[in-house]
């Protein structure tokens, strides 16, 4: 009888141990208590893992640049020219005025033509300074308006604007010499943009007066920029200025 009771007790103990083993942690990997799982916020980063957003966080492309050209085009050629700011009719004969020129099939002026040569030689970007109100269709009448604007210290409203000036380190600034000064629209341009830390290289077309006092005027308008003396050309040289532009760029260390 005693042996029988001992056998029964042994069988009961064996069953009890088997039942506890069925709930053992580690024997069933699909069952892990919540307390053993690591706590993770939505923004946490696992070791050796970098989210896609983090990888592209500091990468920016200059607006208007081709893919792969992250540095952007570092030279801007900003210019004011009569032919692009006058109410001239399509197909106007350029020979009727020494101030009107064609760049391909586009009407421009002496300064615009020189600006194109600089752009071609430096791979820079052209930017035409354009006014909301156009000037008269004759150059003499335009000079009269320019003189009135100068006397009044006018700042004509501009219709063209630069989206991202930070892309450029060097800015060529071109204009005709009107009454010993820059056209007032160029002052509007200088008032609109802070060119601190940039290098400004003026170029001018004139009947023979050259820069006059415009270099000092630009230095006064942009005191924290480096202003160099660039290229001064007579109007009559604009159509054959490739050599002059190349020599100037060579002296500036910007020759291609």
Protein backbone atom coordinates (compact mmCIF):
# COMPACT_ATOMS: atom_id res chain seq x y z
CA UNK A 1 0.00 0.00 0.00
CA UNK A 2 2.83 2.40 0.91
CA UNK A 3 4.54 1.68 -2.44
CA UNK A 4 1.31 2.41 -4.24
CA UNK A 5 0.90 5.82 -2.51
CA UNK A 6 4.51 6.74 -3.30
CA UNK A 7 3.94 5.91 -6.97
CA UNK A 8 0.79 8.06 -7.10
CA UNK A 9 2.56 11.02 -5.46
CA UNK A 10 5.45 10.77 -7.94
CA UNK A 11 3.06 10.83 -10.87
CA UNK A 12 1.27 13.97 -9.58
CA UNK A 13 4.60 15.78 -9.03
CA UNK A 14 5.76 14.98 -12.59
CA UNK A 15 2.56 16.41 -14.10
CA UNK A 16 2.92 19.62 -12.08
CA UNK A 17 6.49 20.18 -13.34
CA UNK A 18 5.44 19.60 -16.96
CA UNK A 19 2.71 22.27 -16.70
CA UNK A 20 5.17 24.99 -15.43
CA UNK A 21 7.61 24.13 -18.22
CA UNK A 22 4.97 25.02 -20.83
CA UNK A 23 5.03 28.63 -19.61
CA UNK A 24 8.80 28.97 -19.38
CA UNK A 25 10.32 32.20 -20.95
CA UNK A 26 12.78 31.22 -23.66
CA UNK A 27 11.17 27.95 -24.59
CA UNK A 28 8.58 29.86 -26.67
CA UNK A 29 10.16 32.82 -28.55
CA UNK A 30 6.78 34.19 -29.61
CA UNK A 31 5.91 34.98 -26.01
CA UNK A 32 7.93 37.85 -24.50
CA UNK A 33 6.62 39.91 -21.59
CA UNK A 34 6.05 43.55 -22.45
CA UNK A 35 8.39 44.60 -19.66
CA UNK A 36 11.36 43.02 -21.48
CA UNK A 37 10.84 45.00 -24.77
CA UNK A 38 13.00 48.15 -25.28
CA UNK A 39 11.12 51.43 -25.12
CA UNK A 40 11.43 53.43 -28.42
CA UNK A 41 10.05 56.84 -29.30
CA UNK A 42 9.19 57.59 -32.95
CA UNK A 43 12.36 59.70 -33.30
CA UNK A 44 14.81 57.29 -31.75
CA UNK A 45 17.65 55.93 -33.89
CA UNK A 46 18.95 52.39 -33.49
CA UNK A 47 22.73 51.89 -33.46
CA UNK A 48 24.13 51.67 -37.02
CA UNK A 49 20.83 52.93 -38.47
CA UNK A 50 20.37 56.35 -40.10
CA UNK A 51 16.92 57.39 -41.28
CA UNK A 52 16.65 58.68 -44.86
CA UNK A 53 15.56 62.08 -43.61
CA UNK A 54 18.67 62.40 -41.50
CA UNK A 55 20.93 61.47 -44.42
CA UNK A 56 19.56 64.28 -46.61
CA UNK A 57 19.11 66.86 -43.87
CA UNK A 58 22.16 68.97 -44.74
CA UNK A 59 22.02 68.58 -48.50
CA UNK A 60 20.63 71.49 -50.45
CA UNK A 61 20.60 72.25 -54.17
CA UNK A 62 20.79 75.85 -55.37
CA UNK A 63 17.60 76.78 -57.16
CA UNK A 64 17.76 76.52 -60.92
CA UNK A 65 20.88 74.36 -61.00
CA UNK A 66 21.27 71.05 -62.79
CA UNK A 67 21.55 67.93 -60.68
CA UNK A 68 25.14 67.36 -59.63
CA UNK A 69 26.00 71.07 -59.80
CA UNK A 70 25.56 71.67 -56.07
CA UNK A 71 28.12 74.46 -56.05
CA UNK A 72 26.01 76.49 -58.43
CA UNK A 73 27.27 79.01 -60.93
CA UNK A 74 29.39 81.36 -58.83
CA UNK A 75 29.47 84.32 -61.23
CA UNK A 76 26.55 86.63 -61.97
CA UNK A 77 26.56 89.31 -64.66
CA UNK A 78 23.95 91.90 -63.72
CA UNK A 79 23.54 94.73 -66.19
CA UNK A 80 21.34 97.62 -67.22
CA UNK A 81 21.13 98.41 -70.92
CA UNK A 82 19.00 100.78 -72.96
CA UNK A 83 17.79 98.34 -75.60
CA UNK A 84 16.12 96.06 -73.04
CA UNK A 85 14.48 98.90 -71.13
CA UNK A 86 12.99 100.97 -73.95
CA UNK A 87 9.65 100.73 -75.68
CA UNK A 88 11.14 99.78 -79.02
CA UNK A 89 9.17 98.10 -81.78
CA UNK A 90 10.03 94.57 -82.88
CA UNK A 91 12.45 94.45 -85.78
CA UNK A 92 13.81 97.92 -85.13
CA UNK A 93 16.87 98.74 -87.24
CA UNK A 94 19.89 98.77 -84.93
CA UNK A 95 21.70 101.12 -87.29
CA UNK A 96 19.26 103.90 -86.38
CA UNK A 97 20.92 104.23 -82.95
CA UNK A 98 24.46 103.49 -81.79
CA UNK A 99 22.94 102.35 -78.47
CA UNK A 100 20.82 99.52 -79.91
CA UNK A 101 22.39 96.14 -80.59
CA UNK A 102 21.18 92.63 -81.28
CA UNK A 103 22.29 89.58 -79.33
CA UNK A 104 21.21 86.84 -81.68
CA UNK A 105 17.60 87.74 -82.36
CA UNK A 106 17.16 89.55 -79.03
CA UNK A 107 17.27 93.31 -78.82
CA UNK A 108 19.76 94.69 -76.31
CA UNK A 109 22.24 97.56 -76.05
CA UNK A 110 25.99 98.14 -75.88
CA UNK A 111 26.20 97.15 -72.22
CA UNK A 112 24.04 94.09 -72.82
CA UNK A 113 26.32 92.98 -75.62
CA UNK A 114 29.42 93.26 -73.40
CA UNK A 115 27.57 91.43 -70.62
CA UNK A 116 27.00 88.52 -73.01
CA UNK A 117 30.70 88.36 -73.86
CA UNK A 118 31.59 88.23 -70.16
CA UNK A 119 29.00 85.51 -69.56
CA UNK A 120 30.34 83.43 -72.43
CA UNK A 121 33.94 83.79 -71.21
CA UNK A 122 33.22 83.02 -67.54
CA UNK A 123 30.27 80.64 -67.85
CA UNK A 124 28.40 83.12 -65.67
CA UNK A 125 24.67 83.81 -65.51
CA UNK A 126 23.13 86.89 -67.08
CA UNK A 127 20.65 89.05 -65.19
CA UNK A 128 19.06 92.05 -66.87
CA UNK A 129 18.10 94.92 -64.57
CA UNK A 130 14.68 95.85 -65.92
CA UNK A 131 12.43 98.74 -64.92
CA UNK A 132 8.66 98.58 -64.59
CA UNK A 133 8.27 101.73 -66.67
CA UNK A 134 10.10 101.63 -69.96
CA UNK A 135 12.16 104.46 -71.32
CA UNK A 136 11.36 106.38 -74.55
CA UNK A 137 11.98 104.88 -77.96
CA UNK A 138 14.78 107.32 -78.78
CA UNK A 139 18.08 107.43 -76.95
CA UNK A 140 18.22 111.23 -76.70
CA UNK A 141 14.79 111.33 -75.08
CA UNK A 142 15.92 108.55 -72.74
CA UNK A 143 18.98 110.58 -71.72
CA UNK A 144 16.67 113.47 -70.86
CA UNK A 145 14.62 111.17 -68.63
CA UNK A 146 17.83 109.85 -67.11
CA UNK A 147 18.99 113.36 -66.30
CA UNK A 148 15.67 114.16 -64.62
CA UNK A 149 15.89 110.95 -62.57
CA UNK A 150 19.42 111.80 -61.49
CA UNK A 151 18.47 115.33 -60.43
CA UNK A 152 15.58 113.93 -58.38
CA UNK A 153 17.62 111.09 -56.88
CA UNK A 154 14.93 108.75 -58.23
CA UNK A 155 14.86 105.01 -57.64
CA UNK A 156 12.87 103.47 -60.50
CA UNK A 157 10.87 100.39 -59.59
CA UNK A 158 12.32 97.18 -60.98
CA UNK A 159 10.43 94.36 -62.66
CA UNK A 160 13.25 91.79 -62.53
CA UNK A 161 14.52 90.21 -59.32
CA UNK A 162 17.05 87.60 -58.20
CA UNK A 163 15.66 84.65 -56.24
CA UNK A 164 18.87 83.33 -54.66
CA UNK A 165 21.76 85.78 -54.51
CA UNK A 166 23.66 83.51 -52.09
CA UNK A 167 24.64 81.32 -55.03
CA UNK A 168 27.06 83.96 -56.31
CA UNK A 169 30.43 85.09 -54.95
CA UNK A 170 31.39 87.37 -57.85
CA UNK A 171 29.06 89.88 -59.46
CA UNK A 172 29.86 91.79 -62.61
CA UNK A 173 27.78 94.98 -62.64
CA UNK A 174 27.36 96.65 -66.02
CA UNK A 175 25.79 99.94 -67.04
CA UNK A 176 26.09 102.82 -69.52
CA UNK A 177 27.46 106.13 -68.29
CA UNK A 178 24.55 108.56 -68.10
CA UNK A 179 25.48 112.11 -67.21
CA UNK A 180 28.68 111.03 -65.45
CA UNK A 181 26.81 108.47 -63.33
CA UNK A 182 25.05 105.14 -63.35
CA UNK A 183 21.41 105.05 -64.47
CA UNK A 184 19.24 105.40 -61.38
CA UNK A 185 17.87 101.90 -61.98
CA UNK A 186 21.29 100.53 -61.03
CA UNK A 187 20.99 102.36 -57.70
CA UNK A 188 17.61 100.65 -57.29
CA UNK A 189 19.39 97.32 -57.79
CA UNK A 190 22.06 98.17 -55.21
CA UNK A 191 19.39 99.32 -52.74
CA UNK A 192 17.49 96.06 -53.13
CA UNK A 193 20.37 93.64 -52.49
CA UNK A 194 22.94 93.34 -49.74
CA UNK A 195 26.17 92.36 -51.49
CA UNK A 196 28.27 92.16 -48.32
CA UNK A 197 31.18 89.76 -48.64
CA UNK A 198 30.88 89.55 -52.42
CA UNK A 199 33.27 90.79 -55.09
CA UNK A 200 31.73 93.39 -57.41
CA UNK A 201 33.39 94.02 -60.77
CA UNK A 202 31.83 96.99 -62.58
CA UNK A 203 31.95 97.44 -66.34
CA UNK A 204 30.75 100.46 -68.26
CA UNK A 205 30.09 101.61 -71.81
CA UNK A 206 30.30 105.30 -72.56
CA UNK A 207 31.04 107.95 -75.13
CA UNK A 208 34.41 108.46 -73.52
CA UNK A 209 33.78 109.31 -69.85
CA UNK A 210 34.56 105.82 -68.58
CA UNK A 211 33.59 105.11 -64.99
CA UNK A 212 33.51 108.78 -63.86
CA UNK A 213 32.72 108.55 -60.11
CA UNK A 214 30.68 105.34 -60.28
CA UNK A 215 33.25 103.13 -58.55
CA UNK A 216 33.03 105.31 -55.45
CA UNK A 217 29.25 105.31 -55.68
CA UNK A 218 29.17 101.51 -55.70
CA UNK A 219 31.60 101.35 -52.76
CA UNK A 220 29.35 103.74 -50.85
CA UNK A 221 26.22 101.70 -51.65
CA UNK A 222 27.89 98.37 -50.76
CA UNK A 223 30.51 99.20 -48.08
CA UNK A 224 31.01 95.57 -47.05
CA UNK A 225 31.69 94.30 -50.56
CA UNK A 226 35.01 94.23 -52.40
CA UNK A 227 34.70 96.56 -55.40
CA UNK A 228 37.26 96.18 -58.19
CA UNK A 229 37.72 98.36 -61.24
CA UNK A 230 36.71 96.24 -64.18
CA UNK A 231 36.27 97.17 -67.81
CA UNK A 232 35.54 100.58 -69.32
CA UNK A 233 34.69 100.56 -73.02
CA UNK A 234 33.65 103.17 -75.54
CA UNK A 235 30.25 102.49 -77.05
CA UNK A 236 31.81 101.93 -80.46
CA UNK A 237 33.90 99.03 -79.09
CA UNK A 238 31.00 96.95 -77.80
CA UNK A 239 30.54 94.96 -81.02
CA UNK A 240 34.20 93.99 -81.15
CA UNK A 241 35.06 93.74 -77.46
CA UNK A 242 36.04 90.06 -77.24
CA UNK A 243 39.72 90.92 -76.93
CA UNK A 244 39.08 93.63 -74.34
CA UNK A 245 36.94 91.27 -72.27
CA UNK A 246 39.52 88.48 -72.47
CA UNK A 247 42.33 90.82 -71.38
CA UNK A 248 40.28 92.18 -68.47
CA UNK A 249 39.35 88.71 -67.26
CA UNK A 250 42.97 87.60 -67.53
CA UNK A 251 44.07 90.52 -65.35
CA UNK A 252 41.37 89.63 -62.82
CA UNK A 253 42.41 85.98 -62.80
CA UNK A 254 39.04 84.91 -64.19
CA UNK A 255 40.09 83.85 -67.68
CA UNK A 256 38.67 80.50 -68.71
